[in-house]
Structures are given as structure tokens and as C-alpha cells.
């Protein structure tokens, strides 16, 4: 099982996390949670998750995406998703969460969508 890794980069005031691996119960969802919490503590509230390298998300991973989304919203920030794989897109559609998240296929379009 590949654990979740990510590279962090800035595009203006937006923090992009290029994620690789799986967001699953245990390690993956904890990695995501601590990354998001740390960014919030640093005052980084515009966050774009690039999920191109994420092959699998389980229900716990979805739960973590939702709780990250909620935490960021509470702070007046925005969490958006980039490059959803078909599998993740289907999962978000089934769970009716596709409408909750702003998701994009083009990084530039995603970056331009932040106010």
C-alpha cells in the first residue's frame, strides 16, 4: 500500500498540494489532515489539492476531504480539487459530494477561480 506523499508549492496566495498515493483510513487520511491543519495555522487558506497522483480514496479519505473542506471554510478559506481521477470523480458523484467541492481539470482555471 503506497502511503500518501505530497509536494507543496505556492502560486500567488494559493497553496497547491500535489498528492501521490492513497487517501485511506489510517495513514493517508492523517497525512492529509495534518497537512491541512498546518497550512491553516500558517494562515494559508486558499488550498488546491492536486489529486492527479491519487489512485484510491476510501470512505475515510472522503470523510477527511469533507472535514478539511469544513475546517478551511470555517476559517474563511477555500479548498478546491484539481485533476480528479475517474475513480475519485465517480466516488464523489455517488456520495453526492461532487456538487460540494469545486473541482477543475486545468490548474490555471482552478487558480483563477479563487477570489
PDB file of N, CA and C in Angstrom:
ATOM      1  N   UNK A   1       0.826  -1.197   0.000  1.00  0.00           N
ATOM      2  CA  UNK A   1       0.000   0.000   0.000  1.00  0.00           C
ATOM      3  C   UNK A   1       0.865   1.253   0.000  1.00  0.00           C
ATOM      4  N   UNK A   2       0.737   2.047  -1.029  1.00  0.00           N
ATOM      5  CA  UNK A   2       1.539   3.276  -1.094  1.00  0.00           C
ATOM      6  C   UNK A   2       0.963   4.293  -0.119  1.00  0.00           C
ATOM      7  N   UNK A   3       1.831   4.845   0.710  1.00  0.00           N
ATOM      8  CA  UNK A   3       1.323   5.865   1.611  1.00  0.00           C
ATOM      9  C   UNK A   3       1.159   7.167   0.838  1.00  0.00           C
ATOM     10  N   UNK A   4       0.564   8.134   1.474  1.00  0.00           N
ATOM     11  CA  UNK A   4       0.295   9.400   0.823  1.00  0.00           C
ATOM     12  C   UNK A   4       1.486  10.336   0.976  1.00  0.00           C
ATOM     13  N   UNK A   5       1.960  10.840  -0.144  1.00  0.00           N
ATOM     14  CA  UNK A   5       3.029  11.839  -0.136  1.00  0.00           C
ATOM     15  C   UNK A   5       2.518  13.076  -0.842  1.00  0.00           C
ATOM     16  N   UNK A   6       3.091  14.211  -0.514  1.00  0.00           N
ATOM     17  CA  UNK A   6       2.713  15.391  -1.270  1.00  0.00           C
ATOM     18  C   UNK A   6       3.843  16.396  -1.343  1.00  0.00           C
ATOM     19  N   UNK A   7       3.805  17.177  -2.404  1.00  0.00           N
ATOM     20  CA  UNK A   7       4.725  18.286  -2.573  1.00  0.00           C
ATOM     21  C   UNK A   7       3.893  19.553  -2.457  1.00  0.00           C
ATOM     22  N   UNK A   8       4.428  20.511  -1.751  1.00  0.00           N
ATOM     23  CA  UNK A   8       3.709  21.763  -1.551  1.00  0.00           C
ATOM     24  C   UNK A   8       4.350  22.841  -2.414  1.00  0.00           C
ATOM     25  N   UNK A   9       3.534  23.616  -3.092  1.00  0.00           N
ATOM     26  CA  UNK A   9       4.062  24.757  -3.851  1.00  0.00           C
ATOM     27  C   UNK A   9       3.066  25.907  -3.800  1.00  0.00           C
ATOM     28  N   UNK A  10       3.567  27.091  -4.033  1.00  0.00           N
ATOM     29  CA  UNK A  10       2.729  28.287  -3.982  1.00  0.00           C
ATOM     30  C   UNK A  10       2.512  28.832  -5.382  1.00  0.00           C
ATOM     31  N   UNK A  11       1.312  29.297  -5.652  1.00  0.00           N
ATOM     32  CA  UNK A  11       1.010  30.043  -6.868  1.00  0.00           C
ATOM     33  C   UNK A  11       0.286  31.292  -6.383  1.00  0.00           C
ATOM     34  N   UNK A  12       1.021  32.376  -6.240  1.00  0.00           N
ATOM     35  CA  UNK A  12       0.421  33.569  -5.642  1.00  0.00           C
ATOM     36  C   UNK A  12       0.040  33.247  -4.213  1.00  0.00           C
ATOM     37  N   UNK A  13      -1.208  33.525  -3.848  1.00  0.00           N
ATOM     38  CA  UNK A  13      -1.636  33.234  -2.468  1.00  0.00           C
ATOM     39  C   UNK A  13      -2.323  31.882  -2.344  1.00  0.00           C
ATOM     40  N   UNK A  14      -2.243  31.080  -3.382  1.00  0.00           N
ATOM     41  CA  UNK A  14      -2.840  29.738  -3.343  1.00  0.00           C
ATOM     42  C   UNK A  14      -1.737  28.705  -3.080  1.00  0.00           C
ATOM     43  N   UNK A  15      -1.999  27.818  -2.119  1.00  0.00           N
ATOM     44  CA  UNK A  15      -1.070  26.724  -1.827  1.00  0.00           C
ATOM     45  C   UNK A  15      -1.561  25.479  -2.558  1.00  0.00           C
ATOM     46  N   UNK A  16      -0.701  24.909  -3.377  1.00  0.00           N
ATOM     47  CA  UNK A  16      -1.062  23.707  -4.126  1.00  0.00           C
ATOM     48  C   UNK A  16      -0.361  22.510  -3.487  1.00  0.00           C
ATOM     49  N   UNK A  17      -1.146  21.487  -3.195  1.00  0.00           N
ATOM     50  CA  UNK A  17      -0.570  20.233  -2.705  1.00  0.00           C
ATOM     51  C   UNK A  17      -0.687  19.198  -3.822  1.00  0.00           C
ATOM     52  N   UNK A  18       0.458  18.806  -4.373  1.00  0.00           N
ATOM     53  CA  UNK A  18       0.476  17.744  -5.382  1.00  0.00           C
ATOM     54  C   UNK A  18       0.547  16.425  -4.637  1.00  0.00           C
ATOM     55  N   UNK A  19      -0.537  15.687  -4.663  1.00  0.00           N
ATOM     56  CA  UNK A  19      -0.633  14.488  -3.839  1.00  0.00           C
ATOM     57  C   UNK A  19      -0.377  13.221  -4.651  1.00  0.00           C
ATOM     58  N   UNK A  20       0.247  12.253  -3.991  1.00  0.00           N
ATOM     59  CA  UNK A  20       0.565  10.971  -4.594  1.00  0.00           C
ATOM     60  C   UNK A  20       0.293   9.851  -3.617  1.00  0.00           C
ATOM     61  N   UNK A  21      -0.384   8.813  -4.073  1.00  0.00           N
ATOM     62  CA  UNK A  21      -0.619   7.666  -3.205  1.00  0.00           C
ATOM     63  C   UNK A  21      -2.099   7.438  -2.973  1.00  0.00           C
ATOM     64  N   UNK A  22      -2.441   7.014  -1.774  1.00  0.00           N
ATOM     65  CA  UNK A  22      -3.829   6.675  -1.441  1.00  0.00           C
ATOM     66  C   UNK A  22      -4.277   7.471  -0.233  1.00  0.00           C
ATOM     67  N   UNK A  23      -5.517   7.913  -0.257  1.00  0.00           N
ATOM     68  CA  UNK A  23      -6.080   8.565   0.924  1.00  0.00           C
ATOM     69  C   UNK A  23      -7.038   7.555   1.542  1.00  0.00           C
ATOM     70  N   UNK A  24      -6.528   6.839   2.539  1.00  0.00           N
ATOM     71  CA  UNK A  24      -7.318   5.760   3.142  1.00  0.00           C
ATOM     72  C   UNK A  24      -7.272   5.873   4.658  1.00  0.00           C
ATOM     73  N   UNK A  25      -8.078   5.059   5.300  1.00  0.00           N
ATOM     74  CA  UNK A  25      -8.138   5.083   6.759  1.00  0.00           C
ATOM     75  C   UNK A  25      -6.735   4.874   7.316  1.00  0.00           C
ATOM     76  N   UNK A  26      -6.446   5.604   8.379  1.00  0.00           N
ATOM     77  CA  UNK A  26      -5.106   5.488   8.951  1.00  0.00           C
ATOM     78  C   UNK A  26      -4.191   6.535   8.349  1.00  0.00           C
ATOM     79  N   UNK A  27      -3.076   6.057   7.833  1.00  0.00           N
ATOM     80  CA  UNK A  27      -2.000   6.956   7.444  1.00  0.00           C
ATOM     81  C   UNK A  27      -2.374   8.056   6.446  1.00  0.00           C
ATOM     82  N   UNK A  28      -3.010   7.662   5.343  1.00  0.00           N
ATOM     83  CA  UNK A  28      -3.324   8.632   4.295  1.00  0.00           C
ATOM     84  C   UNK A  28      -4.200   9.774   4.771  1.00  0.00           C
ATOM     85  N   UNK A  29      -5.274   9.432   5.500  1.00  0.00           N
ATOM     86  CA  UNK A  29      -6.174  10.491   5.935  1.00  0.00           C
ATOM     87  C   UNK A  29      -5.524  11.354   7.021  1.00  0.00           C
ATOM     88  N   UNK A  30      -4.663  10.752   7.844  1.00  0.00           N
ATOM     89  CA  UNK A  30      -3.948  11.514   8.875  1.00  0.00           C
ATOM     90  C   UNK A  30      -2.948  12.477   8.230  1.00  0.00           C
ATOM     91  N   UNK A  31      -2.249  11.998   7.199  1.00  0.00           N
ATOM     92  CA  UNK A  31      -1.295  12.833   6.469  1.00  0.00           C
ATOM     93  C   UNK A  31      -1.997  14.055   5.894  1.00  0.00           C
ATOM     94  N   UNK A  32      -3.153  13.815   5.286  1.00  0.00           N
ATOM     95  CA  UNK A  32      -3.926  14.910   4.697  1.00  0.00           C
ATOM     96  C   UNK A  32      -4.374  15.879   5.781  1.00  0.00           C
ATOM     97  N   UNK A  33      -4.926  15.326   6.870  1.00  0.00           N
ATOM     98  CA  UNK A  33      -5.426  16.172   7.952  1.00  0.00           C
ATOM     99  C   UNK A  33      -4.328  17.062   8.514  1.00  0.00           C
ATOM    100  N   UNK A  34      -3.169  16.471   8.802  1.00  0.00           N
ATOM    101  CA  UNK A  34      -2.121  17.276   9.427  1.00  0.00           C
ATOM    102  C   UNK A  34      -1.575  18.329   8.455  1.00  0.00           C
ATOM    103  N   UNK A  35      -1.524  18.001   7.170  1.00  0.00           N
ATOM    104  CA  UNK A  35      -1.068  18.986   6.173  1.00  0.00           C
ATOM    105  C   UNK A  35      -2.021  20.186   6.135  1.00  0.00           C
ATOM    106  N   UNK A  36      -3.315  19.899   6.094  1.00  0.00           N
ATOM    107  CA  UNK A  36      -4.320  20.970   6.029  1.00  0.00           C
ATOM    108  C   UNK A  36      -4.289  21.817   7.303  1.00  0.00           C
ATOM    109  N   UNK A  37      -4.233  21.155   8.457  1.00  0.00           N
ATOM    110  CA  UNK A  37      -4.206  21.892   9.729  1.00  0.00           C
ATOM    111  C   UNK A  37      -2.973  22.796   9.811  1.00  0.00           C
ATOM    112  N   UNK A  38      -1.835  22.264   9.344  1.00  0.00           N
ATOM    113  CA  UNK A  38      -0.600  23.049   9.389  1.00  0.00           C
ATOM    114  C   UNK A  38      -0.708  24.282   8.485  1.00  0.00           C
ATOM    115  N   UNK A  39      -1.260  24.102   7.294  1.00  0.00           N
ATOM    116  CA  UNK A  39      -1.418  25.228   6.378  1.00  0.00           C
ATOM    117  C   UNK A  39      -2.312  26.303   7.000  1.00  0.00           C
ATOM    118  N   UNK A  40      -3.389  25.870   7.649  1.00  0.00           N
ATOM    119  CA  UNK A  40      -4.291  26.827   8.297  1.00  0.00           C
ATOM    120  C   UNK A  40      -3.573  27.588   9.403  1.00  0.00           C
ATOM    121  N   UNK A  41      -2.774  26.863  10.176  1.00  0.00           N
ATOM    122  CA  UNK A  41      -2.011  27.518  11.252  1.00  0.00           C
ATOM    123  C   UNK A  41      -1.039  28.544  10.679  1.00  0.00           C
ATOM    124  N   UNK A  42      -0.540  28.277   9.472  1.00  0.00           N
ATOM    125  CA  UNK A  42       0.387  29.209   8.824  1.00  0.00           C
ATOM    126  C   UNK A  42      -0.369  30.351   8.141  1.00  0.00           C
ATOM    127  N   UNK A  43      -1.700  30.329   8.243  1.00  0.00           N
ATOM    128  CA  UNK A  43      -2.504  31.378   7.639  1.00  0.00           C
ATOM    129  C   UNK A  43      -2.742  31.174   6.152  1.00  0.00           C
ATOM    130  N   UNK A  44      -2.444  29.975   5.659  1.00  0.00           N
ATOM    131  CA  UNK A  44      -2.684  29.681   4.238  1.00  0.00           C
ATOM    132  C   UNK A  44      -4.078  29.091   4.095  1.00  0.00           C
ATOM    133  N   UNK A  45      -4.971  29.882   3.511  1.00  0.00           N
ATOM    134  CA  UNK A  45      -6.378  29.483   3.498  1.00  0.00           C
ATOM    135  C   UNK A  45      -6.920  29.174   2.117  1.00  0.00           C
ATOM    136  N   UNK A  46      -6.106  29.416   1.091  1.00  0.00           N
ATOM    137  CA  UNK A  46      -6.542  29.068  -0.260  1.00  0.00           C
ATOM    138  C   UNK A  46      -5.736  27.849  -0.670  1.00  0.00           C
ATOM    139  N   UNK A  47      -6.415  26.705  -0.676  1.00  0.00           N
ATOM    140  CA  UNK A  47      -5.708  25.442  -0.866  1.00  0.00           C
ATOM    141  C   UNK A  47      -6.295  24.675  -2.052  1.00  0.00           C
ATOM    142  N   UNK A  48      -5.386  24.223  -2.914  1.00  0.00           N
ATOM    143  CA  UNK A  48      -5.777  23.448  -4.078  1.00  0.00           C
ATOM    144  C   UNK A  48      -5.137  22.067  -3.962  1.00  0.00           C
ATOM    145  N   UNK A  49      -5.971  21.033  -3.898  1.00  0.00           N
ATOM    146  CA  UNK A  49      -5.448  19.670  -3.816  1.00  0.00           C
ATOM    147  C   UNK A  49      -5.379  19.088  -5.219  1.00  0.00           C
ATOM    148  N   UNK A  50      -4.162  18.823  -5.669  1.00  0.00           N
ATOM    149  CA  UNK A  50      -3.981  18.187  -6.968  1.00  0.00           C
ATOM    150  C   UNK A  50      -3.977  16.675  -6.753  1.00  0.00           C
ATOM    151  N   UNK A  51      -5.066  16.034  -7.177  1.00  0.00           N
ATOM    152  CA  UNK A  51      -5.252  14.607  -6.896  1.00  0.00           C
ATOM    153  C   UNK A  51      -4.848  13.721  -8.068  1.00  0.00           C
ATOM    154  N   UNK A  52      -4.120  14.282  -9.026  1.00  0.00           N
ATOM    155  CA  UNK A  52      -3.742  13.505 -10.224  1.00  0.00           C
ATOM    156  C   UNK A  52      -3.027  12.203  -9.862  1.00  0.00           C
ATOM    157  N   UNK A  53      -2.204  12.239  -8.813  1.00  0.00           N
ATOM    158  CA  UNK A  53      -1.430  11.051  -8.449  1.00  0.00           C
ATOM    159  C   UNK A  53      -2.089  10.175  -7.401  1.00  0.00           C
ATOM    160  N   UNK A  54      -3.325  10.497  -7.053  1.00  0.00           N
ATOM    161  CA  UNK A  54      -4.023   9.711  -6.026  1.00  0.00           C
ATOM    162  C   UNK A  54      -4.859   8.640  -6.707  1.00  0.00           C
ATOM    163  N   UNK A  55      -4.453   7.392  -6.518  1.00  0.00           N
ATOM    164  CA  UNK A  55      -5.122   6.302  -7.208  1.00  0.00           C
ATOM    165  C   UNK A  55      -6.359   5.804  -6.489  1.00  0.00           C
ATOM    166  N   UNK A  56      -6.430   6.046  -5.189  1.00  0.00           N
ATOM    167  CA  UNK A  56      -7.522   5.446  -4.435  1.00  0.00           C
ATOM    168  C   UNK A  56      -7.870   6.284  -3.212  1.00  0.00           C
ATOM    169  N   UNK A  57      -9.164   6.443  -2.994  1.00  0.00           N
ATOM    170  CA  UNK A  57      -9.650   7.106  -1.790  1.00  0.00           C
ATOM    171  C   UNK A  57     -10.738   6.213  -1.215  1.00  0.00           C
ATOM    172  N   UNK A  58     -10.650   5.894   0.087  1.00  0.00           N
ATOM    173  CA  UNK A  58     -11.731   5.102   0.684  1.00  0.00           C
ATOM    174  C   UNK A  58     -12.686   6.039   1.421  1.00  0.00           C
ATOM    175  N   UNK A  59     -13.675   5.478   2.105  1.00  0.00           N
ATOM    176  CA  UNK A  59     -14.687   6.317   2.750  1.00  0.00           C
ATOM    177  C   UNK A  59     -14.064   7.214   3.819  1.00  0.00           C
ATOM    178  N   UNK A  60     -13.037   6.708   4.474  1.00  0.00           N
ATOM    179  CA  UNK A  60     -12.349   7.513   5.476  1.00  0.00           C
ATOM    180  C   UNK A  60     -11.637   8.698   4.818  1.00  0.00           C
ATOM    181  N   UNK A  61     -11.064   8.452   3.638  1.00  0.00           N
ATOM    182  CA  UNK A  61     -10.403   9.515   2.884  1.00  0.00           C
ATOM    183  C   UNK A  61     -11.387  10.583   2.444  1.00  0.00           C
ATOM    184  N   UNK A  62     -12.567  10.129   1.992  1.00  0.00           N
ATOM    185  CA  UNK A  62     -13.630  11.065   1.608  1.00  0.00           C
ATOM    186  C   UNK A  62     -14.041  11.893   2.822  1.00  0.00           C
ATOM    187  N   UNK A  63     -14.194  11.217   3.962  1.00  0.00           N
ATOM    188  CA  UNK A  63     -14.549  11.912   5.203  1.00  0.00           C
ATOM    189  C   UNK A  63     -13.517  12.973   5.541  1.00  0.00           C
ATOM    190  N   UNK A  64     -12.251  12.659   5.314  1.00  0.00           N
ATOM    191  CA  UNK A  64     -11.174  13.597   5.608  1.00  0.00           C
ATOM    192  C   UNK A  64     -11.213  14.787   4.664  1.00  0.00           C
ATOM    193  N   UNK A  65     -11.522  14.543   3.395  1.00  0.00           N
ATOM    194  CA  UNK A  65     -11.673  15.646   2.438  1.00  0.00           C
ATOM    195  C   UNK A  65     -12.785  16.589   2.899  1.00  0.00           C
ATOM    196  N   UNK A  66     -13.892  15.997   3.335  1.00  0.00           N
ATOM    197  CA  UNK A  66     -15.027  16.807   3.787  1.00  0.00           C
ATOM    198  C   UNK A  66     -14.666  17.596   5.043  1.00  0.00           C
ATOM    199  N   UNK A  67     -13.987  16.954   6.000  1.00  0.00           N
ATOM    200  CA  UNK A  67     -13.677  17.678   7.230  1.00  0.00           C
ATOM    201  C   UNK A  67     -12.617  18.753   6.976  1.00  0.00           C
ATOM    202  N   UNK A  68     -11.703  18.523   6.027  1.00  0.00           N
ATOM    203  CA  UNK A  68     -10.735  19.547   5.646  1.00  0.00           C
ATOM    204  C   UNK A  68     -11.460  20.733   5.015  1.00  0.00           C
ATOM    205  N   UNK A  69     -12.398  20.404   4.130  1.00  0.00           N
ATOM    206  CA  UNK A  69     -13.203  21.419   3.449  1.00  0.00           C
ATOM    207  C   UNK A  69     -13.924  22.297   4.484  1.00  0.00           C
ATOM    208  N   UNK A  70     -14.536  21.640   5.474  1.00  0.00           N
ATOM    209  CA  UNK A  70     -15.273  22.343   6.526  1.00  0.00           C
ATOM    210  C   UNK A  70     -14.354  23.212   7.368  1.00  0.00           C
ATOM    211  N   UNK A  71     -13.204  22.663   7.750  1.00  0.00           N
ATOM    212  CA  UNK A  71     -12.246  23.401   8.578  1.00  0.00           C
ATOM    213  C   UNK A  71     -11.766  24.659   7.854  1.00  0.00           C
ATOM    214  N   UNK A  72     -11.490  24.522   6.569  1.00  0.00           N
ATOM    215  CA  UNK A  72     -10.990  25.661   5.777  1.00  0.00           C
ATOM    216  C   UNK A  72     -12.081  26.704   5.593  1.00  0.00           C
ATOM    217  N   UNK A  73     -13.297  26.239   5.324  1.00  0.00           N
ATOM    218  CA  UNK A  73     -14.426  27.172   5.181  1.00  0.00           C
ATOM    219  C   UNK A  73     -14.655  27.977   6.451  1.00  0.00           C
ATOM    220  N   UNK A  74     -14.543  27.296   7.588  1.00  0.00           N
ATOM    221  CA  UNK A  74     -14.737  27.952   8.881  1.00  0.00           C
ATOM    222  C   UNK A  74     -13.757  29.098   9.072  1.00  0.00           C
ATOM    223  N   UNK A  75     -12.566  28.938   8.500  1.00  0.00           N
ATOM    224  CA  UNK A  75     -11.524  29.960   8.611  1.00  0.00           C
ATOM    225  C   UNK A  75     -11.658  31.013   7.508  1.00  0.00           C
ATOM    226  N   UNK A  76     -12.728  30.889   6.708  1.00  0.00           N
ATOM    227  CA  UNK A  76     -12.935  31.850   5.630  1.00  0.00           C
ATOM    228  C   UNK A  76     -12.086  31.548   4.404  1.00  0.00           C
ATOM    229  N   UNK A  77     -11.591  30.319   4.313  1.00  0.00           N
ATOM    230  CA  UNK A  77     -10.748  29.953   3.178  1.00  0.00           C
ATOM    231  C   UNK A  77     -11.501  29.133   2.147  1.00  0.00           C
ATOM    232  N   UNK A  78     -10.768  28.646   1.165  1.00  0.00           N
ATOM    233  CA  UNK A  78     -11.371  27.832   0.106  1.00  0.00           C
ATOM    234  C   UNK A  78     -10.484  26.627  -0.183  1.00  0.00           C
ATOM    235  N   UNK A  79     -11.128  25.454  -0.248  1.00  0.00           N
ATOM    236  CA  UNK A  79     -10.437  24.232  -0.651  1.00  0.00           C
ATOM    237  C   UNK A  79     -11.039  23.802  -1.980  1.00  0.00           C
ATOM    238  N   UNK A  80     -10.185  23.601  -2.975  1.00  0.00           N
ATOM    239  CA  UNK A  80     -10.660  23.144  -4.277  1.00  0.00           C
ATOM    240  C   UNK A  80      -9.850  21.937  -4.708  1.00  0.00           C
ATOM    241  N   UNK A  81     -10.426  21.181  -5.640  1.00  0.00           N
ATOM    242  CA  UNK A  81      -9.792  19.941  -6.083  1.00  0.00           C
ATOM    243  C   UNK A  81      -9.387  20.058  -7.548  1.00  0.00           C
ATOM    244  N   UNK A  82      -8.241  19.468  -7.852  1.00  0.00           N
ATOM    245  CA  UNK A  82      -7.704  19.514  -9.210  1.00  0.00           C
ATOM    246  C   UNK A  82      -7.398  18.105  -9.690  1.00  0.00           C
ATOM    247  N   UNK A  83      -7.656  17.852 -10.971  1.00  0.00           N
ATOM    248  CA  UNK A  83      -7.280  16.579 -11.615  1.00  0.00           C
ATOM    249  C   UNK A  83      -7.825  15.351 -10.908  1.00  0.00           C
ATOM    250  N   UNK A  84      -9.138  15.310 -10.728  1.00  0.00           N
ATOM    251  CA  UNK A  84      -9.748  14.112 -10.144  1.00  0.00           C
ATOM    252  C   UNK A  84      -9.616  12.961 -11.133  1.00  0.00           C
ATOM    253  N   UNK A  85      -9.219  11.813 -10.632  1.00  0.00           N
ATOM    254  CA  UNK A  85      -9.232  10.628 -11.487  1.00  0.00           C
ATOM    255  C   UNK A  85     -10.700  10.216 -11.654  1.00  0.00           C
ATOM    256  N   UNK A  86     -10.967   9.404 -12.668  1.00  0.00           N
ATOM    257  CA  UNK A  86     -12.339   8.960 -12.915  1.00  0.00           C
ATOM    258  C   UNK A  86     -12.904   8.245 -11.693  1.00  0.00           C
ATOM    259  N   UNK A  87     -12.058   7.429 -11.045  1.00  0.00           N
ATOM    260  CA  UNK A  87     -12.491   6.674  -9.873  1.00  0.00           C
ATOM    261  C   UNK A  87     -12.955   7.612  -8.747  1.00  0.00           C
ATOM    262  N   UNK A  88     -12.152   8.647  -8.496  1.00  0.00           N
ATOM    263  CA  UNK A  88     -12.492   9.580  -7.422  1.00  0.00           C
ATOM    264  C   UNK A  88     -13.716  10.412  -7.808  1.00  0.00           C
ATOM    265  N   UNK A  89     -13.775  10.809  -9.077  1.00  0.00           N
ATOM    266  CA  UNK A  89     -14.945  11.561  -9.562  1.00  0.00           C
ATOM    267  C   UNK A  89     -16.221  10.743  -9.355  1.00  0.00           C
ATOM    268  N   UNK A  90     -16.168   9.457  -9.710  1.00  0.00           N
ATOM    269  CA  UNK A  90     -17.329   8.578  -9.541  1.00  0.00           C
ATOM    270  C   UNK A  90     -17.723   8.473  -8.070  1.00  0.00           C
ATOM    271  N   UNK A  91     -16.715   8.313  -7.219  1.00  0.00           N
ATOM    272  CA  UNK A  91     -16.954   8.183  -5.781  1.00  0.00           C
ATOM    273  C   UNK A  91     -17.625   9.446  -5.234  1.00  0.00           C
ATOM    274  N   UNK A  92     -17.136  10.614  -5.655  1.00  0.00           N
ATOM    275  CA  UNK A  92     -17.731  11.870  -5.199  1.00  0.00           C
ATOM    276  C   UNK A  92     -19.144  12.039  -5.756  1.00  0.00           C
ATOM    277  N   UNK A  93     -19.377  11.531  -6.962  1.00  0.00           N
ATOM    278  CA  UNK A  93     -20.712  11.619  -7.557  1.00  0.00           C
ATOM    279  C   UNK A  93     -21.700  10.742  -6.779  1.00  0.00           C
ATOM    280  N   UNK A  94     -21.278   9.515  -6.472  1.00  0.00           N
ATOM    281  CA  UNK A  94     -22.131   8.575  -5.730  1.00  0.00           C
ATOM    282  C   UNK A  94     -22.495   9.146  -4.366  1.00  0.00           C
ATOM    283  N   UNK A  95     -21.511   9.766  -3.706  1.00  0.00           N
ATOM    284  CA  UNK A  95     -21.743  10.285  -2.357  1.00  0.00           C
ATOM    285  C   UNK A  95     -22.351  11.688  -2.384  1.00  0.00           C
ATOM    286  N   UNK A  96     -22.708  12.156  -3.581  1.00  0.00           N
ATOM    287  CA  UNK A  96     -23.328  13.475  -3.758  1.00  0.00           C
ATOM    288  C   UNK A  96     -22.400  14.619  -3.329  1.00  0.00           C
ATOM    289  N   UNK A  97     -21.102  14.365  -3.307  1.00  0.00           N
ATOM    290  CA  UNK A  97     -20.168  15.396  -2.856  1.00  0.00           C
ATOM    291  C   UNK A  97     -19.544  16.158  -4.014  1.00  0.00           C
ATOM    292  N   UNK A  98     -19.805  15.677  -5.246  1.00  0.00           N
ATOM    293  CA  UNK A  98     -19.228  16.340  -6.407  1.00  0.00           C
ATOM    294  C   UNK A  98     -19.718  17.790  -6.465  1.00  0.00           C
ATOM    295  N   UNK A  99     -20.937  18.012  -5.974  1.00  0.00           N
ATOM    296  CA  UNK A  99     -21.502  19.366  -6.002  1.00  0.00           C
ATOM    297  C   UNK A  99     -20.977  20.233  -4.866  1.00  0.00           C
ATOM    298  N   UNK A 100     -20.439  19.606  -3.824  1.00  0.00           N
ATOM    299  CA  UNK A 100     -19.910  20.353  -2.676  1.00  0.00           C
ATOM    300  C   UNK A 100     -18.556  20.951  -3.022  1.00  0.00           C
ATOM    301  N   UNK A 101     -17.725  20.143  -3.668  1.00  0.00           N
ATOM    302  CA  UNK A 101     -16.369  20.576  -3.988  1.00  0.00           C
ATOM    303  C   UNK A 101     -16.316  21.274  -5.337  1.00  0.00           C
ATOM    304  N   UNK A 102     -15.526  22.331  -5.413  1.00  0.00           N
ATOM    305  CA  UNK A 102     -15.189  22.899  -6.707  1.00  0.00           C
ATOM    306  C   UNK A 102     -14.061  22.041  -7.238  1.00  0.00           C
ATOM    307  N   UNK A 103     -14.248  21.437  -8.403  1.00  0.00           N
ATOM    308  CA  UNK A 103     -13.149  20.642  -8.949  1.00  0.00           C
ATOM    309  C   UNK A 103     -12.847  21.079 -10.377  1.00  0.00           C
ATOM    310  N   UNK A 104     -11.586  20.999 -10.720  1.00  0.00           N
ATOM    311  CA  UNK A 104     -11.105  21.511 -12.001  1.00  0.00           C
ATOM    312  C   UNK A 104     -10.167  20.519 -12.660  1.00  0.00           C
ATOM    313  N   UNK A 105     -10.086  20.617 -13.992  1.00  0.00           N
ATOM    314  CA  UNK A 105      -9.162  19.779 -14.749  1.00  0.00           C
ATOM    315  C   UNK A 105      -7.919  20.566 -15.156  1.00  0.00           C
ATOM    316  N   UNK A 106      -8.027  21.879 -15.145  1.00  0.00           N
ATOM    317  CA  UNK A 106      -6.901  22.723 -15.545  1.00  0.00           C
ATOM    318  C   UNK A 106      -6.437  23.537 -14.348  1.00  0.00           C
ATOM    319  N   UNK A 107      -5.141  23.483 -14.080  1.00  0.00           N
ATOM    320  CA  UNK A 107      -4.612  24.215 -12.933  1.00  0.00           C
ATOM    321  C   UNK A 107      -4.861  25.718 -13.052  1.00  0.00           C
ATOM    322  N   UNK A 108      -4.665  26.251 -14.252  1.00  0.00           N
ATOM    323  CA  UNK A 108      -4.831  27.690 -14.445  1.00  0.00           C
ATOM    324  C   UNK A 108      -6.264  28.140 -14.157  1.00  0.00           C
ATOM    325  N   UNK A 109      -7.224  27.356 -14.646  1.00  0.00           N
ATOM    326  CA  UNK A 109      -8.636  27.657 -14.401  1.00  0.00           C
ATOM    327  C   UNK A 109      -8.926  27.615 -12.906  1.00  0.00           C
ATOM    328  N   UNK A 110      -8.391  26.602 -12.237  1.00  0.00           N
ATOM    329  CA  UNK A 110      -8.580  26.464 -10.792  1.00  0.00           C
ATOM    330  C   UNK A 110      -8.017  27.674 -10.070  1.00  0.00           C
ATOM    331  N   UNK A 111      -6.791  28.070 -10.415  1.00  0.00           N
ATOM    332  CA  UNK A 111      -6.155  29.200  -9.747  1.00  0.00           C
ATOM    333  C   UNK A 111      -6.936  30.492  -9.965  1.00  0.00           C
ATOM    334  N   UNK A 112      -7.462  30.654 -11.173  1.00  0.00           N
ATOM    335  CA  UNK A 112      -8.228  31.870 -11.481  1.00  0.00           C
ATOM    336  C   UNK A 112      -9.565  31.925 -10.753  1.00  0.00           C
ATOM    337  N   UNK A 113     -10.007  30.783 -10.237  1.00  0.00           N
ATOM    338  CA  UNK A 113     -11.331  30.726  -9.598  1.00  0.00           C
ATOM    339  C   UNK A 113     -11.295  31.215  -8.150  1.00  0.00           C
ATOM    340  N   UNK A 114     -10.093  31.361  -7.585  1.00  0.00           N
ATOM    341  CA  UNK A 114     -10.003  31.845  -6.207  1.00  0.00           C
ATOM    342  C   UNK A 114     -10.216  33.342  -6.197  1.00  0.00           C
ATOM    343  N   UNK A 115     -11.025  33.796  -5.233  1.00  0.00           N
ATOM    344  CA  UNK A 115     -11.268  35.232  -5.137  1.00  0.00           C
ATOM    345  C   UNK A 115     -10.321  35.833  -4.123  1.00  0.00           C
TER     346      UNK A 115
END
